């Protein structure tokens, strides 16, 4: 059984806190961490994690048919009712999204976007790379005269200034 510390005065100390104790040689306070779990304060993470794992492994789980997550068996019916009524799986990324925010999720995450510099349409996740490294209309600087110009015009410009 893990060592635990419980408040003697009937009040509960903070959920996580530090307690100063005098060292054996009396030179200064020794600081220990306390963690609360099931009304018991544990003085080490190892003891806390051991107790949490023992309790978690005692309860069986079932996989929800709607979201494919492991749910404690005692909660599966309530979870499934809530999950199937309120959530849907995104057809693009597979994330579970609230039904009322599904369209917003698609528009903010997956909808094609247009580059403001060259008007090319692409996936949202590559837009930043496109604008910074690929877009022919991004502004670059000539290495010879330090003049800013669109990348598409750089080669012709440098032929003139590079000779």
N, C-alpha and C. Protein backbone atom coordinates (compact mmCIF):
# COMPACT_ATOMS: atom_id res chain seq x y z
N UNK A 1 0.85 -1.18 0.00
CA UNK A 1 0.00 0.00 0.00
C UNK A 1 0.89 1.24 0.00
N UNK A 2 0.64 2.18 -0.89
CA UNK A 2 1.47 3.37 -0.95
C UNK A 2 1.34 4.21 0.31
N UNK A 3 2.45 4.90 0.62
CA UNK A 3 2.41 5.81 1.76
C UNK A 3 1.59 7.03 1.39
N UNK A 4 0.74 7.46 2.28
CA UNK A 4 -0.12 8.61 2.00
C UNK A 4 -0.16 9.52 3.21
N UNK A 5 -0.51 10.76 2.97
CA UNK A 5 -0.65 11.72 4.05
C UNK A 5 -2.03 12.32 3.97
N UNK A 6 -2.77 12.33 5.09
CA UNK A 6 -4.11 12.88 5.14
C UNK A 6 -4.10 14.00 6.18
N UNK A 7 -4.79 15.09 5.88
CA UNK A 7 -4.82 16.22 6.80
C UNK A 7 -5.49 15.81 8.11
N UNK A 8 -4.88 16.21 9.27
CA UNK A 8 -5.38 15.83 10.58
C UNK A 8 -6.51 16.75 11.06
N UNK A 9 -6.55 17.98 10.60
CA UNK A 9 -7.50 18.94 11.14
C UNK A 9 -8.85 18.92 10.44
N UNK A 10 -9.10 17.97 9.56
CA UNK A 10 -10.38 17.84 8.91
C UNK A 10 -10.51 18.67 7.64
N UNK A 11 -9.59 19.59 7.40
CA UNK A 11 -9.64 20.37 6.17
C UNK A 11 -8.74 19.71 5.14
N UNK A 12 -9.06 19.93 3.90
CA UNK A 12 -8.24 19.33 2.85
C UNK A 12 -7.20 20.32 2.39
N UNK A 13 -5.93 19.91 2.34
CA UNK A 13 -4.90 20.76 1.76
C UNK A 13 -5.14 20.88 0.25
N UNK A 14 -4.42 21.76 -0.44
CA UNK A 14 -4.61 21.90 -1.88
C UNK A 14 -4.38 20.59 -2.61
N UNK A 15 -4.96 20.45 -3.81
CA UNK A 15 -4.83 19.22 -4.57
C UNK A 15 -3.38 18.85 -4.83
N UNK A 16 -2.58 19.82 -5.21
CA UNK A 16 -1.15 19.59 -5.37
C UNK A 16 -0.45 20.71 -4.62
N UNK A 17 0.50 20.38 -3.80
CA UNK A 17 1.18 21.43 -3.05
C UNK A 17 2.54 20.97 -2.59
N UNK A 18 3.23 21.87 -1.96
CA UNK A 18 4.54 21.55 -1.42
C UNK A 18 4.45 21.63 0.10
N UNK A 19 5.14 20.72 0.76
CA UNK A 19 5.18 20.70 2.21
C UNK A 19 6.64 20.75 2.62
N UNK A 20 6.98 21.71 3.45
CA UNK A 20 8.37 21.82 3.90
C UNK A 20 8.58 21.00 5.16
N UNK A 21 9.65 20.23 5.19
CA UNK A 21 10.01 19.46 6.38
C UNK A 21 11.47 19.75 6.68
N UNK A 22 11.83 19.74 7.93
CA UNK A 22 13.21 19.96 8.29
C UNK A 22 14.04 18.73 7.96
N UNK A 23 15.18 18.94 7.38
CA UNK A 23 16.06 17.81 7.09
C UNK A 23 16.62 17.26 8.39
N UNK A 24 17.09 16.03 8.31
CA UNK A 24 17.60 15.36 9.52
C UNK A 24 18.76 16.11 10.15
N UNK A 25 19.61 16.69 9.31
CA UNK A 25 20.75 17.41 9.85
C UNK A 25 20.37 18.83 10.27
N UNK A 26 19.08 19.21 10.06
CA UNK A 26 18.58 20.49 10.51
C UNK A 26 19.03 21.67 9.67
N UNK A 27 19.58 21.44 8.50
CA UNK A 27 20.15 22.52 7.70
C UNK A 27 19.11 23.29 6.91
N UNK A 28 18.01 22.73 6.52
CA UNK A 28 17.03 23.48 5.75
C UNK A 28 15.83 22.63 5.44
N UNK A 29 14.82 23.23 4.86
CA UNK A 29 13.61 22.45 4.58
C UNK A 29 13.79 21.52 3.39
N UNK A 30 13.20 20.37 3.49
CA UNK A 30 13.14 19.43 2.39
C UNK A 30 11.75 19.58 1.78
N UNK A 31 11.67 19.78 0.49
CA UNK A 31 10.39 20.02 -0.16
C UNK A 31 9.93 18.73 -0.83
N UNK A 32 8.67 18.33 -0.55
CA UNK A 32 8.11 17.16 -1.19
C UNK A 32 6.81 17.55 -1.88
N UNK A 33 6.48 16.88 -2.96
CA UNK A 33 5.24 17.12 -3.69
C UNK A 33 4.15 16.20 -3.14
N UNK A 34 2.94 16.72 -3.02
CA UNK A 34 1.79 15.91 -2.62
C UNK A 34 0.79 15.90 -3.75
N UNK A 35 0.17 14.76 -4.04
CA UNK A 35 -0.88 14.65 -5.05
C UNK A 35 -2.09 13.98 -4.43
N UNK A 36 -3.28 14.48 -4.76
CA UNK A 36 -4.51 13.94 -4.21
C UNK A 36 -5.12 12.95 -5.20
N UNK A 37 -5.49 11.77 -4.71
CA UNK A 37 -6.19 10.79 -5.52
C UNK A 37 -7.14 10.04 -4.61
N UNK A 38 -8.41 10.07 -4.91
CA UNK A 38 -9.45 9.36 -4.16
C UNK A 38 -9.38 9.70 -2.67
N UNK A 39 -9.15 11.00 -2.36
CA UNK A 39 -9.14 11.44 -0.98
C UNK A 39 -7.87 11.14 -0.22
N UNK A 40 -6.84 10.66 -0.89
CA UNK A 40 -5.58 10.32 -0.24
C UNK A 40 -4.47 11.15 -0.88
N UNK A 41 -3.59 11.70 -0.05
CA UNK A 41 -2.46 12.47 -0.56
C UNK A 41 -1.24 11.55 -0.67
N UNK A 42 -0.65 11.52 -1.87
CA UNK A 42 0.52 10.68 -2.12
C UNK A 42 1.76 11.55 -2.18
N UNK A 43 2.84 11.06 -1.59
CA UNK A 43 4.07 11.85 -1.55
C UNK A 43 5.01 11.54 -2.70
N UNK A 44 4.69 10.57 -3.55
CA UNK A 44 5.54 10.31 -4.70
C UNK A 44 4.69 9.99 -5.92
N UNK A 45 5.20 10.38 -7.08
CA UNK A 45 4.48 10.11 -8.33
C UNK A 45 4.37 8.61 -8.57
N UNK A 46 5.38 7.85 -8.17
CA UNK A 46 5.36 6.40 -8.38
C UNK A 46 4.19 5.77 -7.62
N UNK A 47 4.00 6.18 -6.38
CA UNK A 47 2.88 5.66 -5.59
C UNK A 47 1.55 6.08 -6.22
N UNK A 48 1.45 7.35 -6.64
CA UNK A 48 0.23 7.88 -7.24
C UNK A 48 -0.11 7.13 -8.52
N UNK A 49 0.86 6.96 -9.42
CA UNK A 49 0.62 6.29 -10.69
C UNK A 49 0.27 4.82 -10.48
N UNK A 50 0.90 4.17 -9.51
CA UNK A 50 0.60 2.77 -9.22
C UNK A 50 -0.84 2.59 -8.77
N UNK A 51 -1.31 3.48 -7.91
CA UNK A 51 -2.69 3.40 -7.42
C UNK A 51 -3.67 3.70 -8.56
N UNK A 52 -3.38 4.71 -9.37
CA UNK A 52 -4.26 5.07 -10.48
C UNK A 52 -4.35 3.93 -11.49
N UNK A 53 -3.24 3.28 -11.80
CA UNK A 53 -3.23 2.16 -12.75
C UNK A 53 -4.01 0.97 -12.19
N UNK A 54 -3.88 0.71 -10.90
CA UNK A 54 -4.58 -0.42 -10.28
C UNK A 54 -6.09 -0.21 -10.37
N UNK A 55 -6.54 1.02 -10.13
CA UNK A 55 -7.97 1.29 -10.19
C UNK A 55 -8.46 1.25 -11.63
N UNK A 56 -7.69 1.84 -12.56
CA UNK A 56 -8.10 1.89 -13.96
C UNK A 56 -8.16 0.50 -14.58
N UNK A 57 -7.27 -0.40 -14.21
CA UNK A 57 -7.23 -1.72 -14.82
C UNK A 57 -8.33 -2.64 -14.29
N UNK A 58 -8.95 -2.27 -13.16
CA UNK A 58 -10.02 -3.09 -12.61
C UNK A 58 -11.31 -2.98 -13.42
N UNK A 59 -11.53 -1.89 -14.13
CA UNK A 59 -12.76 -1.68 -14.87
C UNK A 59 -12.56 -2.08 -16.33
N UNK A 60 -13.48 -2.88 -16.86
CA UNK A 60 -13.38 -3.29 -18.26
C UNK A 60 -13.90 -2.19 -19.16
N UNK A 61 -13.44 -2.20 -20.39
CA UNK A 61 -13.87 -1.19 -21.35
C UNK A 61 -14.47 -1.87 -22.57
N UNK A 62 -15.27 -1.10 -23.32
CA UNK A 62 -15.83 -1.55 -24.60
C UNK A 62 -15.55 -0.47 -25.62
N UNK A 63 -15.47 -0.84 -26.86
CA UNK A 63 -15.21 0.10 -27.94
C UNK A 63 -16.54 0.66 -28.44
N UNK A 64 -16.64 1.97 -28.48
CA UNK A 64 -17.85 2.63 -28.98
C UNK A 64 -17.93 2.39 -30.49
N UNK A 65 -19.09 1.93 -30.95
CA UNK A 65 -19.28 1.65 -32.39
C UNK A 65 -19.28 2.92 -33.23
N UNK A 66 -19.53 4.05 -32.61
CA UNK A 66 -19.61 5.30 -33.36
C UNK A 66 -18.26 6.01 -33.48
N UNK A 67 -17.52 6.11 -32.38
CA UNK A 67 -16.27 6.88 -32.39
C UNK A 67 -15.01 6.02 -32.26
N UNK A 68 -15.17 4.71 -32.04
CA UNK A 68 -14.05 3.78 -31.93
C UNK A 68 -13.12 4.06 -30.74
N UNK A 69 -13.64 4.67 -29.69
CA UNK A 69 -12.84 4.91 -28.49
C UNK A 69 -13.19 3.88 -27.43
N UNK A 70 -12.23 3.57 -26.56
CA UNK A 70 -12.46 2.65 -25.44
C UNK A 70 -13.20 3.42 -24.34
N UNK A 71 -14.35 2.90 -23.94
CA UNK A 71 -15.21 3.53 -22.95
C UNK A 71 -15.45 2.54 -21.82
N UNK A 72 -15.41 2.98 -20.54
CA UNK A 72 -15.73 2.05 -19.45
C UNK A 72 -17.09 1.39 -19.69
N UNK A 73 -17.15 0.09 -19.49
CA UNK A 73 -18.37 -0.67 -19.77
C UNK A 73 -19.59 -0.12 -19.06
N UNK A 74 -19.41 0.39 -17.87
CA UNK A 74 -20.55 0.91 -17.12
C UNK A 74 -21.12 2.18 -17.76
N UNK A 75 -20.37 2.86 -18.62
CA UNK A 75 -20.83 4.11 -19.23
C UNK A 75 -21.15 3.97 -20.72
N UNK A 76 -21.00 2.80 -21.30
CA UNK A 76 -21.08 2.67 -22.76
C UNK A 76 -22.44 3.07 -23.32
N UNK A 77 -23.54 2.72 -22.69
CA UNK A 77 -24.86 3.07 -23.22
C UNK A 77 -25.09 4.58 -23.24
N UNK A 78 -24.77 5.23 -22.14
CA UNK A 78 -24.93 6.68 -22.06
C UNK A 78 -23.97 7.37 -23.04
N UNK A 79 -22.73 6.89 -23.11
CA UNK A 79 -21.76 7.47 -24.04
C UNK A 79 -22.24 7.33 -25.48
N UNK A 80 -22.69 6.14 -25.86
CA UNK A 80 -23.11 5.91 -27.25
C UNK A 80 -24.29 6.81 -27.62
N UNK A 81 -25.24 6.96 -26.72
CA UNK A 81 -26.39 7.82 -26.99
C UNK A 81 -25.93 9.26 -27.25
N UNK A 82 -25.06 9.76 -26.40
CA UNK A 82 -24.54 11.13 -26.56
C UNK A 82 -23.68 11.24 -27.82
N UNK A 83 -22.79 10.29 -28.01
CA UNK A 83 -21.83 10.31 -29.11
C UNK A 83 -22.54 10.27 -30.47
N UNK A 84 -23.46 9.36 -30.65
CA UNK A 84 -24.14 9.23 -31.95
C UNK A 84 -25.10 10.39 -32.21
N UNK A 85 -25.63 11.00 -31.18
CA UNK A 85 -26.54 12.12 -31.36
C UNK A 85 -25.80 13.42 -31.66
N UNK A 86 -24.61 13.60 -31.08
CA UNK A 86 -23.93 14.90 -31.13
C UNK A 86 -22.65 14.96 -31.97
N UNK A 87 -22.06 13.82 -32.28
CA UNK A 87 -20.77 13.83 -32.98
C UNK A 87 -20.85 13.14 -34.32
N UNK A 88 -19.99 13.56 -35.24
CA UNK A 88 -19.84 12.85 -36.51
C UNK A 88 -18.36 12.81 -36.87
N UNK A 89 -18.01 11.77 -37.64
CA UNK A 89 -16.62 11.59 -38.03
C UNK A 89 -16.36 12.40 -39.29
N UNK A 90 -15.30 13.21 -39.28
CA UNK A 90 -14.93 14.00 -40.44
C UNK A 90 -14.51 13.05 -41.56
N UNK A 91 -15.06 13.25 -42.75
CA UNK A 91 -14.77 12.37 -43.89
C UNK A 91 -13.35 12.55 -44.42
N UNK A 92 -12.70 13.67 -44.07
CA UNK A 92 -11.35 13.95 -44.57
C UNK A 92 -10.28 13.45 -43.60
N UNK A 93 -10.37 13.87 -42.32
CA UNK A 93 -9.31 13.55 -41.36
C UNK A 93 -9.68 12.47 -40.36
N UNK A 94 -10.98 12.14 -40.25
CA UNK A 94 -11.41 11.09 -39.33
C UNK A 94 -11.61 11.55 -37.90
N UNK A 95 -11.40 12.84 -37.60
CA UNK A 95 -11.63 13.34 -36.25
C UNK A 95 -13.12 13.35 -35.94
N UNK A 96 -13.45 13.15 -34.68
CA UNK A 96 -14.83 13.27 -34.24
C UNK A 96 -15.09 14.75 -33.97
N UNK A 97 -16.12 15.28 -34.62
CA UNK A 97 -16.43 16.71 -34.57
C UNK A 97 -17.89 16.87 -34.16
N UNK A 98 -18.20 17.86 -33.31
CA UNK A 98 -19.62 18.10 -33.01
C UNK A 98 -20.38 18.37 -34.30
N UNK A 99 -21.56 17.75 -34.43
CA UNK A 99 -22.34 17.90 -35.66
C UNK A 99 -22.61 19.36 -36.00
N UNK A 100 -22.87 20.18 -34.99
CA UNK A 100 -23.18 21.58 -35.26
C UNK A 100 -21.97 22.38 -35.73
N UNK A 101 -20.76 21.83 -35.59
CA UNK A 101 -19.54 22.52 -36.03
C UNK A 101 -18.86 21.81 -37.20
N UNK A 102 -19.51 20.82 -37.80
CA UNK A 102 -18.89 20.03 -38.86
C UNK A 102 -18.53 20.88 -40.07
N UNK A 103 -19.44 21.73 -40.50
CA UNK A 103 -19.17 22.57 -41.67
C UNK A 103 -18.05 23.57 -41.37
N UNK A 104 -18.08 24.14 -40.18
CA UNK A 104 -17.03 25.07 -39.76
C UNK A 104 -15.67 24.36 -39.71
N UNK A 105 -15.65 23.12 -39.19
CA UNK A 105 -14.42 22.33 -39.15
C UNK A 105 -13.88 22.13 -40.56
N UNK A 106 -14.75 21.74 -41.49
CA UNK A 106 -14.31 21.52 -42.87
C UNK A 106 -13.75 22.81 -43.48
N UNK A 107 -14.47 23.91 -43.33
CA UNK A 107 -14.03 25.18 -43.93
C UNK A 107 -12.72 25.67 -43.33
N UNK A 108 -12.55 25.52 -42.02
CA UNK A 108 -11.33 26.01 -41.35
C UNK A 108 -10.15 25.07 -41.47
N UNK A 109 -10.40 23.80 -41.79
CA UNK A 109 -9.33 22.82 -41.77
C UNK A 109 -9.03 22.23 -43.14
N UNK A 110 -10.05 21.94 -43.94
CA UNK A 110 -9.84 21.15 -45.14
C UNK A 110 -10.21 21.83 -46.46
N UNK A 111 -11.03 22.86 -46.43
CA UNK A 111 -11.50 23.46 -47.67
C UNK A 111 -10.33 24.05 -48.46
N UNK A 112 -10.36 23.92 -49.79
CA UNK A 112 -9.30 24.52 -50.60
C UNK A 112 -9.27 26.04 -50.41
N UNK A 113 -8.07 26.60 -50.47
CA UNK A 113 -7.89 28.04 -50.31
C UNK A 113 -7.17 28.59 -51.55
N UNK A 114 -7.29 29.89 -51.75
CA UNK A 114 -6.67 30.54 -52.89
C UNK A 114 -5.53 31.42 -52.40
N UNK A 115 -4.39 31.33 -53.05
CA UNK A 115 -3.25 32.16 -52.72
C UNK A 115 -3.59 33.61 -53.09
N UNK A 116 -3.37 34.51 -52.17
CA UNK A 116 -3.69 35.92 -52.40
C UNK A 116 -2.70 36.59 -53.35
N UNK A 117 -1.56 35.95 -53.61
CA UNK A 117 -0.55 36.54 -54.49
C UNK A 117 -0.73 36.12 -55.94
N UNK A 118 -0.99 34.80 -56.17
CA UNK A 118 -1.03 34.30 -57.55
C UNK A 118 -2.38 33.71 -57.94
N UNK A 119 -3.32 33.65 -57.01
CA UNK A 119 -4.68 33.13 -57.22
C UNK A 119 -4.74 31.63 -57.50
N UNK A 120 -3.70 30.90 -57.22
CA UNK A 120 -3.72 29.45 -57.36
C UNK A 120 -4.48 28.84 -56.19
N UNK A 121 -5.26 27.78 -56.45
CA UNK A 121 -6.03 27.10 -55.41
C UNK A 121 -5.26 25.87 -54.94
N UNK A 122 -5.25 25.67 -53.61
CA UNK A 122 -4.48 24.56 -53.03
C UNK A 122 -5.07 24.16 -51.69
N UNK A 123 -4.52 23.09 -51.10
CA UNK A 123 -4.94 22.65 -49.77
C UNK A 123 -4.41 23.65 -48.74
N UNK A 124 -5.22 23.88 -47.70
CA UNK A 124 -4.88 24.87 -46.67
C UNK A 124 -3.52 24.58 -46.01
N UNK A 125 -3.22 23.31 -45.80
CA UNK A 125 -1.99 22.99 -45.06
C UNK A 125 -0.71 23.32 -45.82
N UNK A 126 -0.77 23.51 -47.15
CA UNK A 126 0.45 23.86 -47.88
C UNK A 126 0.50 25.34 -48.27
N UNK A 127 -0.51 26.12 -47.89
CA UNK A 127 -0.56 27.53 -48.27
C UNK A 127 0.66 28.31 -47.76
N UNK A 128 1.02 28.13 -46.51
CA UNK A 128 2.15 28.88 -45.94
C UNK A 128 3.45 28.55 -46.66
N UNK A 129 3.68 27.27 -46.95
CA UNK A 129 4.88 26.88 -47.68
C UNK A 129 4.85 27.46 -49.09
N UNK A 130 3.70 27.41 -49.72
CA UNK A 130 3.55 27.95 -51.07
C UNK A 130 3.92 29.44 -51.10
N UNK A 131 3.33 30.22 -50.18
CA UNK A 131 3.58 31.66 -50.17
C UNK A 131 5.03 31.99 -49.85
N UNK A 132 5.66 31.20 -49.01
CA UNK A 132 7.03 31.50 -48.59
C UNK A 132 8.12 30.97 -49.51
N UNK A 133 7.83 29.88 -50.26
CA UNK A 133 8.90 29.24 -51.02
C UNK A 133 8.59 28.97 -52.48
N UNK A 134 7.32 28.82 -52.86
CA UNK A 134 6.98 28.32 -54.19
C UNK A 134 6.29 29.37 -55.07
N UNK A 135 5.48 30.21 -54.48
CA UNK A 135 4.65 31.14 -55.24
C UNK A 135 5.50 32.01 -56.18
N UNK A 136 5.15 32.05 -57.46
CA UNK A 136 5.94 32.86 -58.40
C UNK A 136 5.76 34.36 -58.16
N UNK A 137 4.74 34.75 -57.44
CA UNK A 137 4.51 36.17 -57.16
C UNK A 137 5.04 36.61 -55.79
N UNK A 138 5.68 35.69 -55.03
CA UNK A 138 6.24 36.09 -53.73
C UNK A 138 7.36 37.09 -53.99
N UNK A 139 7.59 37.97 -53.04
CA UNK A 139 8.61 39.00 -53.21
C UNK A 139 9.96 38.45 -52.74
N UNK A 140 10.96 38.55 -53.62
CA UNK A 140 12.33 38.15 -53.31
C UNK A 140 13.24 39.35 -53.56
N UNK A 141 14.47 39.26 -53.10
CA UNK A 141 15.42 40.36 -53.24
C UNK A 141 16.57 39.95 -54.15
N UNK A 142 16.91 40.82 -55.06
CA UNK A 142 18.03 40.57 -55.97
C UNK A 142 19.32 40.54 -55.15
N UNK A 143 20.15 39.56 -55.41
CA UNK A 143 21.40 39.43 -54.65
C UNK A 143 22.44 40.48 -55.05
N UNK A 144 22.25 41.12 -56.19
CA UNK A 144 23.22 42.10 -56.67
C UNK A 144 22.86 43.53 -56.26
N UNK A 145 21.57 43.91 -56.41
CA UNK A 145 21.19 45.30 -56.12
C UNK A 145 20.23 45.42 -54.94
N UNK A 146 19.83 44.30 -54.35
CA UNK A 146 18.92 44.24 -53.21
C UNK A 146 17.56 44.87 -53.50
N UNK A 147 17.15 44.84 -54.76
CA UNK A 147 15.85 45.37 -55.17
C UNK A 147 14.79 44.28 -54.97
N UNK A 148 13.67 44.58 -54.28
CA UNK A 148 12.60 43.58 -54.10
C UNK A 148 11.74 43.49 -55.36
N UNK A 149 11.47 42.25 -55.81
CA UNK A 149 10.65 42.03 -56.99
C UNK A 149 10.02 40.64 -56.93
N UNK A 150 8.97 40.37 -57.74
CA UNK A 150 8.36 39.03 -57.75
C UNK A 150 9.36 37.97 -58.20
N UNK A 151 9.25 36.77 -57.61
CA UNK A 151 10.19 35.69 -57.91
C UNK A 151 10.21 35.33 -59.39
N UNK A 152 9.09 35.45 -60.06
CA UNK A 152 9.01 35.09 -61.47
C UNK A 152 9.90 36.00 -62.34
N UNK A 153 10.16 37.22 -61.88
CA UNK A 153 10.98 38.17 -62.63
C UNK A 153 12.45 38.18 -62.22
N UNK A 154 12.80 37.41 -61.21
CA UNK A 154 14.15 37.46 -60.65
C UNK A 154 15.22 37.03 -61.65
N UNK A 155 15.02 35.93 -62.36
CA UNK A 155 16.05 35.41 -63.27
C UNK A 155 16.39 36.45 -64.34
N UNK A 156 15.39 37.03 -64.96
CA UNK A 156 15.62 38.03 -66.01
C UNK A 156 16.32 39.27 -65.42
N UNK A 157 15.89 39.69 -64.23
CA UNK A 157 16.49 40.85 -63.57
C UNK A 157 17.96 40.61 -63.26
N UNK A 158 18.28 39.42 -62.75
CA UNK A 158 19.66 39.12 -62.37
C UNK A 158 20.57 38.95 -63.58
N UNK A 159 20.01 38.58 -64.74
CA UNK A 159 20.82 38.52 -65.95
C UNK A 159 21.34 39.90 -66.30
N UNK A 160 20.50 40.90 -66.11
CA UNK A 160 20.90 42.28 -66.41
C UNK A 160 21.89 42.79 -65.39
N UNK A 161 21.61 42.60 -64.11
CA UNK A 161 22.45 43.15 -63.04
C UNK A 161 23.62 42.26 -62.66
N UNK A 162 23.61 41.03 -63.05
CA UNK A 162 24.68 40.11 -62.66
C UNK A 162 25.90 40.18 -63.53
N UNK A 163 25.81 40.79 -64.69
CA UNK A 163 26.97 40.87 -65.59
C UNK A 163 27.74 42.13 -65.41
